[in-house]
C-alpha atoms as a PDB file:
ATOM      1  CA  MET A   1      17.473  37.215 -50.222  1.00  0.00           C
ATOM      2  CA  LYS A   2      16.006  34.308 -52.139  1.00  0.00           C
ATOM      3  CA  ILE A   3      15.976  30.755 -50.713  1.00  0.00           C
ATOM      4  CA  ALA A   4      15.272  27.677 -52.869  1.00  0.00           C
ATOM      5  CA  ILE A   5      14.158  24.251 -51.666  1.00  0.00           C
ATOM      6  CA  PRO A   6      13.610  21.174 -53.890  1.00  0.00           C
ATOM      7  CA  TYR A   7       9.903  20.626 -53.273  1.00  0.00           C
ATOM      8  CA  GLU A   8       7.332  17.839 -53.391  1.00  0.00           C
ATOM      9  CA  ASN A   9       4.013  17.709 -51.521  1.00  0.00           C
ATOM     10  CA  GLY A  10       5.106  20.284 -48.935  1.00  0.00           C
ATOM     11  CA  GLN A  11       8.318  18.416 -48.130  1.00  0.00           C
ATOM     12  CA  VAL A  12      12.004  18.895 -48.949  1.00  0.00           C
ATOM     13  CA  PHE A  13      12.470  16.614 -51.988  1.00  0.00           C
ATOM     14  CA  GLN A  14      15.498  14.447 -51.261  1.00  0.00           C
ATOM     15  CA  HIS A  15      17.260  14.251 -54.640  1.00  0.00           C
ATOM     16  CA  PHE A  16      18.416  17.641 -55.935  1.00  0.00           C
ATOM     17  CA  GLY A  17      19.245  16.372 -59.445  1.00  0.00           C
ATOM     18  CA  HIS A  18      15.738  14.988 -59.995  1.00  0.00           C
ATOM     19  CA  SER A  19      13.807  17.965 -58.627  1.00  0.00           C
ATOM     20  CA  ALA A  20      10.697  18.671 -60.704  1.00  0.00           C
ATOM     21  CA  GLN A  21       9.953  21.839 -58.765  1.00  0.00           C
ATOM     22  CA  PHE A  22      11.422  24.209 -56.207  1.00  0.00           C
ATOM     23  CA  LYS A  23       9.728  26.366 -53.652  1.00  0.00           C
ATOM     24  CA  LEU A  24      11.322  29.808 -53.810  1.00  0.00           C
ATOM     25  CA  TYR A  25      11.100  32.050 -50.754  1.00  0.00           C
ATOM     26  CA  THR A  26      11.790  35.767 -50.792  1.00  0.00           C
ATOM     27  CA  ALA A  27      13.030  37.045 -47.438  1.00  0.00           C
ATOM     28  CA  GLU A  28      13.727  40.497 -46.037  1.00  0.00           C
ATOM     29  CA  GLU A  29      14.937  41.448 -42.584  1.00  0.00           C
ATOM     30  CA  GLY A  30      14.900  37.825 -41.399  1.00  0.00           C
ATOM     31  CA  ARG A  31      11.336  36.979 -42.404  1.00  0.00           C
ATOM     32  CA  ILE A  32       9.628  35.424 -45.411  1.00  0.00           C
ATOM     33  CA  THR A  33       7.869  38.047 -47.527  1.00  0.00           C
ATOM     34  CA  GLY A  34       6.804  35.818 -50.412  1.00  0.00           C
ATOM     35  CA  ALA A  35       6.860  32.242 -51.697  1.00  0.00           C
ATOM     36  CA  GLU A  36       6.069  30.449 -54.947  1.00  0.00           C
ATOM     37  CA  VAL A  37       6.420  26.929 -56.327  1.00  0.00           C
ATOM     38  CA  VAL A  38       8.254  26.938 -59.671  1.00  0.00           C
ATOM     39  CA  SER A  39       8.568  24.028 -62.117  1.00  0.00           C
ATOM     40  CA  THR A  40      12.004  23.143 -63.461  1.00  0.00           C
ATOM     41  CA  ASP A  41      10.384  22.162 -66.781  1.00  0.00           C
ATOM     42  CA  GLY A  42      12.252  18.858 -66.816  1.00  0.00           C
ATOM     43  CA  GLN A  43      15.715  20.320 -66.297  1.00  0.00           C
ATOM     44  CA  GLY A  44      17.952  18.036 -64.292  1.00  0.00           C
ATOM     45  CA  HIS A  45      21.342  17.800 -62.638  1.00  0.00           C
ATOM     46  CA  GLY A  46      23.725  20.391 -64.174  1.00  0.00           C
ATOM     47  CA  ALA A  47      20.956  22.576 -65.617  1.00  0.00           C
ATOM     48  CA  LEU A  48      19.377  23.054 -62.185  1.00  0.00           C
ATOM     49  CA  VAL A  49      22.155  25.360 -60.962  1.00  0.00           C
ATOM     50  CA  GLY A  50      21.524  27.611 -63.976  1.00  0.00           C
ATOM     51  CA  PHE A  51      17.804  27.497 -63.162  1.00  0.00           C
ATOM     52  CA  LEU A  52      18.566  28.691 -59.618  1.00  0.00           C
ATOM     53  CA  VAL A  53      20.864  31.460 -60.885  1.00  0.00           C
ATOM     54  CA  ARG A  54      18.206  32.680 -63.358  1.00  0.00           C
ATOM     55  CA  ASN A  55      15.729  32.826 -60.470  1.00  0.00           C
ATOM     56  CA  GLY A  56      18.071  34.941 -58.324  1.00  0.00           C
ATOM     57  CA  VAL A  57      18.618  32.300 -55.614  1.00  0.00           C
ATOM     58  CA  ASN A  58      21.189  33.044 -52.884  1.00  0.00           C
ATOM     59  CA  VAL A  59      20.691  29.960 -50.676  1.00  0.00           C
ATOM     60  CA  LEU A  60      19.763  26.330 -51.435  1.00  0.00           C
ATOM     61  CA  LEU A  61      18.337  24.124 -48.689  1.00  0.00           C
ATOM     62  CA  CYS A  62      18.189  20.489 -49.812  1.00  0.00           C
ATOM     63  CA  GLY A  63      18.510  16.811 -48.919  1.00  0.00           C
ATOM     64  CA  GLY A  64      21.021  14.811 -50.963  1.00  0.00           C
ATOM     65  CA  ILE A  65      23.153  16.472 -53.637  1.00  0.00           C
ATOM     66  CA  GLY A  66      26.034  15.277 -55.802  1.00  0.00           C
ATOM     67  CA  GLY A  67      29.564  16.617 -55.722  1.00  0.00           C
ATOM     68  CA  GLY A  68      29.337  18.166 -59.195  1.00  0.00           C
ATOM     69  CA  ALA A  69      26.254  20.155 -58.244  1.00  0.00           C
ATOM     70  CA  GLN A  70      27.944  21.256 -55.013  1.00  0.00           C
ATOM     71  CA  MET A  71      30.891  22.633 -56.987  1.00  0.00           C
ATOM     72  CA  ALA A  72      28.596  24.374 -59.495  1.00  0.00           C
ATOM     73  CA  LEU A  73      26.647  25.996 -56.647  1.00  0.00           C
ATOM     74  CA  ALA A  74      29.878  27.225 -55.044  1.00  0.00           C
ATOM     75  CA  GLN A  75      31.044  28.675 -58.378  1.00  0.00           C
ATOM     76  CA  ALA A  76      27.670  30.422 -58.766  1.00  0.00           C
ATOM     77  CA  GLY A  77      27.948  31.907 -55.261  1.00  0.00           C
ATOM     78  CA  ILE A  78      24.895  30.037 -53.944  1.00  0.00           C
ATOM     79  CA  ARG A  79      25.170  28.940 -50.302  1.00  0.00           C
ATOM     80  CA  LEU A  80      24.325  25.250 -49.771  1.00  0.00           C
ATOM     81  CA  CYS A  81      22.754  23.716 -46.676  1.00  0.00           C
ATOM     82  CA  GLY A  82      22.293  19.976 -47.326  1.00  0.00           C
ATOM     83  CA  GLY A  83      21.026  16.915 -45.496  1.00  0.00           C
ATOM     84  CA  ILE A  84      17.676  18.553 -44.702  1.00  0.00           C
ATOM     85  CA  THR A  85      14.428  16.609 -44.389  1.00  0.00           C
ATOM     86  CA  GLY A  86      10.868  17.492 -43.420  1.00  0.00           C
ATOM     87  CA  GLU A  87       8.554  20.366 -44.262  1.00  0.00           C
ATOM     88  CA  ALA A  88       9.965  22.937 -46.666  1.00  0.00           C
ATOM     89  CA  ASP A  89       8.266  25.908 -44.982  1.00  0.00           C
ATOM     90  CA  SER A  90       9.691  24.900 -41.590  1.00  0.00           C
ATOM     91  CA  ALA A  91      13.187  24.548 -43.057  1.00  0.00           C
ATOM     92  CA  ALA A  92      13.050  28.025 -44.626  1.00  0.00           C
ATOM     93  CA  ALA A  93      11.810  29.567 -41.372  1.00  0.00           C
ATOM     94  CA  ALA A  94      14.503  27.768 -39.358  1.00  0.00           C
ATOM     95  CA  TYR A  95      17.201  28.985 -41.762  1.00  0.00           C
ATOM     96  CA  LEU A  96      16.090  32.578 -41.327  1.00  0.00           C
ATOM     97  CA  ALA A  97      15.920  32.142 -37.548  1.00  0.00           C
ATOM     98  CA  GLY A  98      19.460  30.716 -37.497  1.00  0.00           C
ATOM     99  CA  THR A  99      18.251  27.411 -36.017  1.00  0.00           C
ATOM    100  CA  LEU A 100      18.395  25.145 -39.088  1.00  0.00           C
ATOM    101  CA  VAL A 101      20.289  21.924 -38.457  1.00  0.00           C
ATOM    102  CA  PHE A 102      21.998  20.720 -41.633  1.00  0.00           C
ATOM    103  CA  ASP A 103      24.854  18.479 -42.749  1.00  0.00           C
ATOM    104  CA  PRO A 104      27.627  20.428 -44.495  1.00  0.00           C
ATOM    105  CA  ASN A 105      28.928  17.111 -45.893  1.00  0.00           C
ATOM    106  CA  ALA A 106      25.603  15.878 -47.329  1.00  0.00           C
ATOM    107  CA  ARG A 107      26.237  14.118 -50.615  1.00  0.00           C
ATOM    108  CA  CYS A 108      24.201  11.957 -52.897  1.00  0.00           C
ATOM    109  CA  THR A 109      26.605   9.346 -54.283  1.00  0.00           C
ATOM    110  CA  HIS A 110      24.413   7.191 -56.476  1.00  0.00           C
ATOM    111  CA  HIS A 111      24.979   8.599 -59.931  1.00  0.00           C
ATOM    112  CA  ASP A 112      25.685   5.077 -61.220  1.00  0.00           C
ATOM    113  CA  HIS A 113      22.164   4.154 -59.986  1.00  0.00           C
ATOM    114  CA  GLU A 114      23.335   1.145 -58.093  1.00  0.00           C
ATOM    115  CA  GLU A 115      21.062  -0.888 -55.870  1.00  0.00           C
ATOM    116  CA  SER A 116      21.513   1.477 -52.907  1.00  0.00           C
ATOM    117  CA  HIS A 117      23.369   4.695 -52.215  1.00  0.00           C
ATOM    118  CA  SER A 118      23.944   7.380 -49.667  1.00  0.00           C
ATOM    119  CA  CYS A 119      22.155  10.739 -49.617  1.00  0.00           C
ATOM    120  CA  GLY A 120      23.686  12.730 -46.812  1.00  0.00           C
ATOM    121  CA  SER A 121      23.072  11.002 -43.514  1.00  0.00           C
ATOM    122  CA  HIS A 122      20.590   8.372 -44.659  1.00  0.00           C
ATOM    123  CA  ALA A 123      20.547   5.381 -47.004  1.00  0.00           C
ATOM    124  CA  CYS A 124      18.249   5.196 -49.993  1.00  0.00           C
ATOM    125  CA  HIS A 125      17.391   2.271 -52.198  1.00  0.00           C
ATOM    126  CA  ALA A 126      17.094   2.662 -55.972  1.00  0.00           C
ATOM    127  CA  ASP A 127      14.936  -0.459 -56.148  1.00  0.00           C
ATOM    128  CA  LYS A 128      12.424   1.222 -53.827  1.00  0.00           C
ATOM    129  CA  GLY A 129      12.125   4.465 -55.777  1.00  0.00           C
ATOM    130  CA  GLY A 130      15.294   6.237 -54.642  1.00  0.00           C
ATOM    131  CA  CYS A 131      15.207   9.163 -52.251  1.00  0.00           C
ATOM    132  CA  THR A 132      11.633   9.708 -51.184  1.00  0.00           C
ATOM    133  CA  GLY A 133      12.238  11.673 -48.015  1.00  0.00           C
ATOM    134  CA  ASN A 134      11.176   8.638 -45.990  1.00  0.00           C
ATOM    135  CA  CYS A 135      14.602   7.032 -45.903  1.00  0.00           C
ATOM    136  CA  HIS A 136      15.156   7.392 -42.148  1.00  0.00           C
END
């Protein structure tokens, strides 16, 4: 199994479509057997699902994510667990342990880049740098 998490400074990066890098975890028999941080090389939004497919990802753990990306993930057969914040390593371990708390309805609805928007269960402000993971 391969788990991907949008990644920045050890944390779950909160805006899937603007992810500059992902931390990819390889897991076997319920435990992490390997991990690496991989750059998206500037790919954004729609191209990121293809990036995940090319890297053999089965599960995406993330913060906010748009409806189009959610549909593309479903079509690619990648399981989505959204609305996640905090340390990426902890989130991956919790997923494997079956204790990860996530929001199945997490959505990032700011694709018009208005003054503020909703990313899952928290509000973010475009004028303050968007989703930084410190929105709570």
